[in-house]
Each structure stands twice: as C-alpha cells, then as structure tokens.
PDB file of all heavy atoms in Angstrom:
ATOM      1  N   ASP A   1     104.165  81.404 104.969  1.00  0.00           N
ATOM      2  CA  ASP A   1     104.402  82.760 105.454  1.00  0.00           C
ATOM      3  C   ASP A   1     105.789  83.196 104.993  1.00  0.00           C
ATOM      4  O   ASP A   1     106.797  82.662 105.457  1.00  0.00           O
ATOM      5  CB  ASP A   1     104.299  82.784 106.983  1.00  0.00           C
ATOM      6  CG  ASP A   1     104.118  84.174 107.530  1.00  0.00           C
ATOM      7  OD1 ASP A   1     103.980  85.121 106.745  1.00  0.00           O
ATOM      8  OD2 ASP A   1     104.111  84.314 108.764  1.00  0.00           O
ATOM      9  N   ALA A   2     105.854  84.129 104.061  1.00  0.00           N
ATOM     10  CA  ALA A   2     107.130  84.570 103.506  1.00  0.00           C
ATOM     11  C   ALA A   2     107.166  86.095 103.423  1.00  0.00           C
ATOM     12  O   ALA A   2     106.126  86.747 103.379  1.00  0.00           O
ATOM     13  CB  ALA A   2     107.329  83.964 102.121  1.00  0.00           C
ATOM     14  N   LYS A   3     108.369  86.636 103.378  1.00  0.00           N
ATOM     15  CA  LYS A   3     108.512  88.093 103.208  1.00  0.00           C
ATOM     16  C   LYS A   3     108.218  88.498 101.778  1.00  0.00           C
ATOM     17  O   LYS A   3     107.821  89.621 101.514  1.00  0.00           O
ATOM     18  CB  LYS A   3     109.911  88.536 103.616  1.00  0.00           C
ATOM     19  CG  LYS A   3     110.146  88.424 105.096  1.00  0.00           C
ATOM     20  CD  LYS A   3     111.465  89.029 105.484  1.00  0.00           C
ATOM     21  CE  LYS A   3     111.666  88.773 106.962  1.00  0.00           C
ATOM     22  NZ  LYS A   3     112.032  89.932 107.684  1.00  0.00           N
ATOM     23  N   SER A   4     108.448  87.566 100.843  1.00  0.00           N
ATOM     24  CA  SER A   4     108.134  87.853  99.443  1.00  0.00           C
ATOM     25  C   SER A   4     107.699  86.560  98.749  1.00  0.00           C
ATOM     26  O   SER A   4     108.043  85.467  99.186  1.00  0.00           O
ATOM     27  CB  SER A   4     109.333  88.473  98.728  1.00  0.00           C
ATOM     28  OG  SER A   4     110.383  87.545  98.635  1.00  0.00           O
ATOM     29  N   TYR A   5     106.955  86.745  97.690  1.00  0.00           N
ATOM     30  CA  TYR A   5     106.432  85.619  96.912  1.00  0.00           C
ATOM     31  C   TYR A   5     106.813  85.831  95.451  1.00  0.00           C
ATOM     32  O   TYR A   5     106.750  86.941  94.940  1.00  0.00           O
ATOM     33  CB  TYR A   5     104.912  85.539  97.028  1.00  0.00           C
ATOM     34  CG  TYR A   5     104.421  85.335  98.443  1.00  0.00           C
ATOM     35  CD1 TYR A   5     104.062  86.410  99.243  1.00  0.00           C
ATOM     36  CD2 TYR A   5     104.326  84.052  98.978  1.00  0.00           C
ATOM     37  CE1 TYR A   5     103.610  86.220 100.539  1.00  0.00           C
ATOM     38  CE2 TYR A   5     103.874  83.857 100.276  1.00  0.00           C
ATOM     39  CZ  TYR A   5     103.522  84.948 101.046  1.00  0.00           C
ATOM     40  OH  TYR A   5     103.077  84.748 102.330  1.00  0.00           O
ATOM     41  N   LYS A   6     107.175  84.753  94.783  1.00  0.00           N
ATOM     42  CA  LYS A   6     107.535  84.817  93.369  1.00  0.00           C
ATOM     43  C   LYS A   6     106.681  83.801  92.622  1.00  0.00           C
ATOM     44  O   LYS A   6     106.675  82.618  92.974  1.00  0.00           O
ATOM     45  CB  LYS A   6     109.015  84.501  93.189  1.00  0.00           C
ATOM     46  CG  LYS A   6     109.491  84.581  91.759  1.00  0.00           C
ATOM     47  CD  LYS A   6     110.976  84.277  91.667  1.00  0.00           C
ATOM     48  CE  LYS A   6     111.448  84.259  90.242  1.00  0.00           C
ATOM     49  NZ  LYS A   6     111.763  85.551  89.717  1.00  0.00           N
ATOM     50  N   PHE A   7     105.967  84.249  91.602  1.00  0.00           N
ATOM     51  CA  PHE A   7     105.157  83.350  90.800  1.00  0.00           C
ATOM     52  C   PHE A   7     104.811  83.981  89.463  1.00  0.00           C
ATOM     53  O   PHE A   7     104.992  85.177  89.254  1.00  0.00           O
ATOM     54  CB  PHE A   7     103.880  82.931  91.542  1.00  0.00           C
ATOM     55  CG  PHE A   7     103.015  84.072  91.991  1.00  0.00           C
ATOM     56  CD1 PHE A   7     102.073  84.630  91.142  1.00  0.00           C
ATOM     57  CD2 PHE A   7     103.136  84.593  93.268  1.00  0.00           C
ATOM     58  CE1 PHE A   7     101.280  85.675  91.556  1.00  0.00           C
ATOM     59  CE2 PHE A   7     102.339  85.638  93.693  1.00  0.00           C
ATOM     60  CZ  PHE A   7     101.411  86.185  92.829  1.00  0.00           C
ATOM     61  N   ASP A   8     104.316  83.165  88.537  1.00  0.00           N
ATOM     62  CA  ASP A   8     103.831  83.607  87.229  1.00  0.00           C
ATOM     63  C   ASP A   8     102.314  83.664  87.272  1.00  0.00           C
ATOM     64  O   ASP A   8     101.676  83.002  88.090  1.00  0.00           O
ATOM     65  CB  ASP A   8     104.255  82.619  86.136  1.00  0.00           C
ATOM     66  CG  ASP A   8     105.751  82.621  85.887  1.00  0.00           C
ATOM     67  OD1 ASP A   8     106.408  83.635  86.164  1.00  0.00           O
ATOM     68  OD2 ASP A   8     106.257  81.590  85.409  1.00  0.00           O
ATOM     69  N   TYR A   9     101.745  84.447  86.350  1.00  0.00           N
ATOM     70  CA  TYR A   9     100.290  84.503  86.212  1.00  0.00           C
ATOM     71  C   TYR A   9      99.926  84.664  84.738  1.00  0.00           C
ATOM     72  O   TYR A   9     100.606  85.363  84.007  1.00  0.00           O
ATOM     73  CB  TYR A   9      99.687  85.623  87.064  1.00  0.00           C
ATOM     74  CG  TYR A   9     100.101  87.026  86.656  1.00  0.00           C
ATOM     75  CD1 TYR A   9      99.247  87.833  85.917  1.00  0.00           C
ATOM     76  CD2 TYR A   9     101.330  87.550  87.020  1.00  0.00           C
ATOM     77  CE1 TYR A   9      99.611  89.119  85.545  1.00  0.00           C
ATOM     78  CE2 TYR A   9     101.705  88.833  86.665  1.00  0.00           C
ATOM     79  CZ  TYR A   9     100.849  89.608  85.915  1.00  0.00           C
ATOM     80  OH  TYR A   9     101.218  90.877  85.542  1.00  0.00           O
ATOM     81  N   PRO A  10      98.876  83.992  84.277  1.00  0.00           N
ATOM     82  CA  PRO A  10      98.538  84.008  82.849  1.00  0.00           C
ATOM     83  C   PRO A  10      97.508  85.049  82.418  1.00  0.00           C
ATOM     84  O   PRO A  10      97.366  85.307  81.230  1.00  0.00           O
ATOM     85  CB  PRO A  10      97.977  82.605  82.615  1.00  0.00           C
ATOM     86  CG  PRO A  10      97.363  82.253  83.925  1.00  0.00           C
ATOM     87  CD  PRO A  10      98.215  82.906  84.973  1.00  0.00           C
ATOM     88  N   PHE A  11      96.763  85.638  83.352  1.00  0.00           N
ATOM     89  CA  PHE A  11      95.696  86.569  82.988  1.00  0.00           C
ATOM     90  C   PHE A  11      96.007  87.958  83.520  1.00  0.00           C
ATOM     91  O   PHE A  11      96.094  88.158  84.727  1.00  0.00           O
ATOM     92  CB  PHE A  11      94.350  86.097  83.547  1.00  0.00           C
ATOM     93  CG  PHE A  11      93.900  84.789  82.978  1.00  0.00           C
ATOM     94  CD1 PHE A  11      94.048  83.617  83.699  1.00  0.00           C
ATOM     95  CD2 PHE A  11      93.345  84.725  81.712  1.00  0.00           C
ATOM     96  CE1 PHE A  11      93.640  82.401  83.183  1.00  0.00           C
ATOM     97  CE2 PHE A  11      92.933  83.515  81.184  1.00  0.00           C
ATOM     98  CZ  PHE A  11      93.079  82.351  81.913  1.00  0.00           C
ATOM     99  N   LYS A  12      96.181  88.908  82.609  1.00  0.00           N
ATOM    100  CA  LYS A  12      96.474  90.277  83.016  1.00  0.00           C
ATOM    101  C   LYS A  12      95.160  90.993  83.307  1.00  0.00           C
ATOM    102  O   LYS A  12      94.298  91.125  82.446  1.00  0.00           O
ATOM    103  CB  LYS A  12      97.231  91.013  81.913  1.00  0.00           C
ATOM    104  CG  LYS A  12      97.753  92.363  82.339  1.00  0.00           C
ATOM    105  CD  LYS A  12      98.493  93.060  81.227  1.00  0.00           C
ATOM    106  CE  LYS A  12      99.888  92.528  81.142  1.00  0.00           C
ATOM    107  NZ  LYS A  12     100.742  93.372  80.279  1.00  0.00           N
ATOM    108  N   THR A  13      95.001  91.413  84.548  1.00  0.00           N
ATOM    109  CA  THR A  13      93.816  92.152  84.973  1.00  0.00           C
ATOM    110  C   THR A  13      94.267  93.419  85.685  1.00  0.00           C
ATOM    111  O   THR A  13      95.448  93.586  86.002  1.00  0.00           O
ATOM    112  CB  THR A  13      92.959  91.320  85.952  1.00  0.00           C
ATOM    113  OG1 THR A  13      93.721  91.086  87.141  1.00  0.00           O
ATOM    114  CG2 THR A  13      92.514  89.997  85.339  1.00  0.00           C
ATOM    115  N   PHE A  14      93.333  94.305  85.953  1.00  0.00           N
ATOM    116  CA  PHE A  14      93.657  95.511  86.714  1.00  0.00           C
ATOM    117  C   PHE A  14      94.252  95.118  88.065  1.00  0.00           C
ATOM    118  O   PHE A  14      95.258  95.664  88.502  1.00  0.00           O
ATOM    119  CB  PHE A  14      92.397  96.367  86.903  1.00  0.00           C
ATOM    120  CG  PHE A  14      92.630  97.567  87.773  1.00  0.00           C
ATOM    121  CD1 PHE A  14      93.316  98.665  87.294  1.00  0.00           C
ATOM    122  CD2 PHE A  14      92.184  97.585  89.084  1.00  0.00           C
ATOM    123  CE1 PHE A  14      93.551  99.767  88.095  1.00  0.00           C
ATOM    124  CE2 PHE A  14      92.407  98.677  89.906  1.00  0.00           C
ATOM    125  CZ  PHE A  14      93.097  99.774  89.400  1.00  0.00           C
ATOM    126  N   ALA A  15      93.642  94.146  88.724  1.00  0.00           N
ATOM    127  CA  ALA A  15      94.113  93.725  90.050  1.00  0.00           C
ATOM    128  C   ALA A  15      95.512  93.116  89.979  1.00  0.00           C
ATOM    129  O   ALA A  15      96.355  93.398  90.833  1.00  0.00           O
ATOM    130  CB  ALA A  15      93.133  92.736  90.670  1.00  0.00           C
ATOM    131  N   SER A  16      95.784  92.301  88.965  1.00  0.00           N
ATOM    132  CA  SER A  16      97.115  91.692  88.880  1.00  0.00           C
ATOM    133  C   SER A  16      98.176  92.753  88.623  1.00  0.00           C
ATOM    134  O   SER A  16      99.295  92.663  89.145  1.00  0.00           O
ATOM    135  CB  SER A  16      97.167  90.597  87.811  1.00  0.00           C
ATOM    136  OG  SER A  16      96.949  91.112  86.518  1.00  0.00           O
ATOM    137  N   GLU A  17      97.837  93.752  87.841  1.00  0.00           N
ATOM    138  CA  GLU A  17      98.797  94.829  87.592  1.00  0.00           C
ATOM    139  C   GLU A  17      99.042  95.652  88.859  1.00  0.00           C
ATOM    140  O   GLU A  17     100.159  96.088  89.121  1.00  0.00           O
ATOM    141  CB  GLU A  17      98.316  95.712  86.443  1.00  0.00           C
ATOM    142  CG  GLU A  17      98.328  94.993  85.093  1.00  0.00           C
ATOM    143  CD  GLU A  17      99.694  94.394  84.770  1.00  0.00           C
ATOM    144  OE1 GLU A  17     100.652  95.157  84.560  1.00  0.00           O
ATOM    145  OE2 GLU A  17      99.812  93.154  84.741  1.00  0.00           O
ATOM    146  N   LYS A  18      98.012  95.849  89.662  1.00  0.00           N
ATOM    147  CA  LYS A  18      98.184  96.543  90.953  1.00  0.00           C
ATOM    148  C   LYS A  18      99.021  95.688  91.905  1.00  0.00           C
ATOM    149  O   LYS A  18      99.833  96.206  92.662  1.00  0.00           O
ATOM    150  CB  LYS A  18      96.831  96.876  91.595  1.00  0.00           C
ATOM    151  CG  LYS A  18      96.003  97.905  90.863  1.00  0.00           C
ATOM    152  CD  LYS A  18      96.643  99.255  90.812  1.00  0.00           C
ATOM    153  CE  LYS A  18      96.508  99.979  92.128  1.00  0.00           C
ATOM    154  NZ  LYS A  18      97.122 101.300  92.118  1.00  0.00           N
ATOM    155  N   MET A  19      98.825  94.377  91.845  1.00  0.00           N
ATOM    156  CA  MET A  19      99.583  93.478  92.715  1.00  0.00           C
ATOM    157  C   MET A  19     101.079  93.533  92.388  1.00  0.00           C
ATOM    158  O   MET A  19     101.912  93.376  93.273  1.00  0.00           O
ATOM    159  CB  MET A  19      99.073  92.044  92.591  1.00  0.00           C
ATOM    160  CG  MET A  19      97.735  91.814  93.253  1.00  0.00           C
ATOM    161  SD  MET A  19      97.139  90.132  93.009  1.00  0.00           S
ATOM    162  CE  MET A  19      98.329  89.201  93.956  1.00  0.00           C
ATOM    163  N   LYS A  20     101.424  93.763  91.119  1.00  0.00           N
ATOM    164  CA  LYS A  20     102.836  93.841  90.727  1.00  0.00           C
ATOM    165  C   LYS A  20     103.560  94.944  91.482  1.00  0.00           C
ATOM    166  O   LYS A  20     104.772  94.899  91.664  1.00  0.00           O
ATOM    167  CB  LYS A  20     102.961  94.098  89.227  1.00  0.00           C
ATOM    168  CG  LYS A  20     102.848  92.872  88.377  1.00  0.00           C
ATOM    169  CD  LYS A  20     103.057  93.191  86.935  1.00  0.00           C
ATOM    170  CE  LYS A  20     104.519  93.074  86.606  1.00  0.00           C
ATOM    171  NZ  LYS A  20     104.775  92.970  85.179  1.00  0.00           N
ATOM    172  N   GLU A  21     102.831  95.957  91.919  1.00  0.00           N
ATOM    173  CA  GLU A  21     103.428  97.095  92.614  1.00  0.00           C
ATOM    174  C   GLU A  21     103.740  96.788  94.081  1.00  0.00           C
ATOM    175  O   GLU A  21     104.450  97.549  94.730  1.00  0.00           O
ATOM    176  CB  GLU A  21     102.494  98.304  92.524  1.00  0.00           C
ATOM    177  CG  GLU A  21     102.223  98.754  91.104  1.00  0.00           C
ATOM    178  CD  GLU A  21     101.105  99.773  90.994  1.00  0.00           C
ATOM    179  OE1 GLU A  21     100.621 100.256  92.038  1.00  0.00           O
ATOM    180  OE2 GLU A  21     100.717 100.087  89.855  1.00  0.00           O
ATOM    181  N   LYS A  22     103.232  95.693  94.602  1.00  0.00           N
ATOM    182  CA  LYS A  22     103.448  95.342  96.006  1.00  0.00           C
ATOM    183  C   LYS A  22     104.888  94.888  96.221  1.00  0.00           C
ATOM    184  O   LYS A  22     105.412  94.079  95.456  1.00  0.00           O
ATOM    185  CB  LYS A  22     102.491  94.224  96.463  1.00  0.00           C
ATOM    186  CG  LYS A  22     101.029  94.504  96.226  1.00  0.00           C
ATOM    187  CD  LYS A  22     100.522  95.561  97.152  1.00  0.00           C
ATOM    188  CE  LYS A  22      99.023  95.733  96.955  1.00  0.00           C
ATOM    189  NZ  LYS A  22      98.471  96.794  97.703  1.00  0.00           N
ATOM    190  N   SER A  23     105.514  95.376  97.249  1.00  0.00           N
ATOM    191  CA  SER A  23     106.925  95.060  97.494  1.00  0.00           C
ATOM    192  C   SER A  23     107.147  93.587  97.848  1.00  0.00           C
ATOM    193  O   SER A  23     108.233  93.065  97.657  1.00  0.00           O
ATOM    194  CB  SER A  23     107.471  95.953  98.604  1.00  0.00           C
ATOM    195  OG  SER A  23     106.753  95.732  99.808  1.00  0.00           O
ATOM    196  N   TYR A  24     106.136  92.905  98.339  1.00  0.00           N
ATOM    197  CA  TYR A  24     106.296  91.510  98.736  1.00  0.00           C
ATOM    198  C   TYR A  24     105.994  90.532  97.600  1.00  0.00           C
ATOM    199  O   TYR A  24     106.020  89.323  97.796  1.00  0.00           O
ATOM    200  CB  TYR A  24     105.431  91.182  99.962  1.00  0.00           C
ATOM    201  CG  TYR A  24     103.948  91.413  99.762  1.00  0.00           C
ATOM    202  CD1 TYR A  24     103.124  90.422  99.264  1.00  0.00           C
ATOM    203  CD2 TYR A  24     103.370  92.640 100.085  1.00  0.00           C
ATOM    204  CE1 TYR A  24     101.774  90.630  99.071  1.00  0.00           C
ATOM    205  CE2 TYR A  24     102.020  92.858  99.905  1.00  0.00           C
ATOM    206  CZ  TYR A  24     101.232  91.851  99.401  1.00  0.00           C
ATOM    207  OH  TYR A  24      99.889  92.072  99.214  1.00  0.00           O
ATOM    208  N   LEU A  25     105.718  91.051  96.388  1.00  0.00           N
ATOM    209  CA  LEU A  25     105.411  90.192  95.248  1.00  0.00           C
ATOM    210  C   LEU A  25     106.416  90.391  94.119  1.00  0.00           C
ATOM    211  O   LEU A  25     106.745  91.512  93.753  1.00  0.00           O
ATOM    212  CB  LEU A  25     104.013  90.494  94.711  1.00  0.00           C
ATOM    213  CG  LEU A  25     102.848  90.177  95.627  1.00  0.00           C
ATOM    214  CD1 LEU A  25     101.556  90.666  95.014  1.00  0.00           C
ATOM    215  CD2 LEU A  25     102.770  88.694  95.903  1.00  0.00           C
ATOM    216  N   ASP A  26     106.891  89.301  93.575  1.00  0.00           N
ATOM    217  CA  ASP A  26     107.721  89.305  92.384  1.00  0.00           C
ATOM    218  C   ASP A  26     106.971  88.428  91.384  1.00  0.00           C
ATOM    219  O   ASP A  26     107.130  87.206  91.378  1.00  0.00           O
ATOM    220  CB  ASP A  26     109.103  88.726  92.705  1.00  0.00           C
ATOM    221  CG  ASP A  26     110.010  88.673  91.486  1.00  0.00           C
ATOM    222  OD1 ASP A  26     109.639  89.204  90.424  1.00  0.00           O
ATOM    223  OD2 ASP A  26     111.094  88.068  91.601  1.00  0.00           O
TER     224      ASP A  26
END
C-alpha cells in the first residue's frame, strides 16, 4: 500500500498510456 508506485513496463498499450496519467504512478 503506497501513495505512489514506480516501475518499468515493456509493452505499450492504450491502457498503459492511460495509466501513465495517474498521479500515483511513475
């Protein structure tokens, strides 16, 4: 349980690009 998460991802999808916009994801 964290205020933000930082990770890499290898597959660019519509969903992953939308996830980039979330304030709790880096």
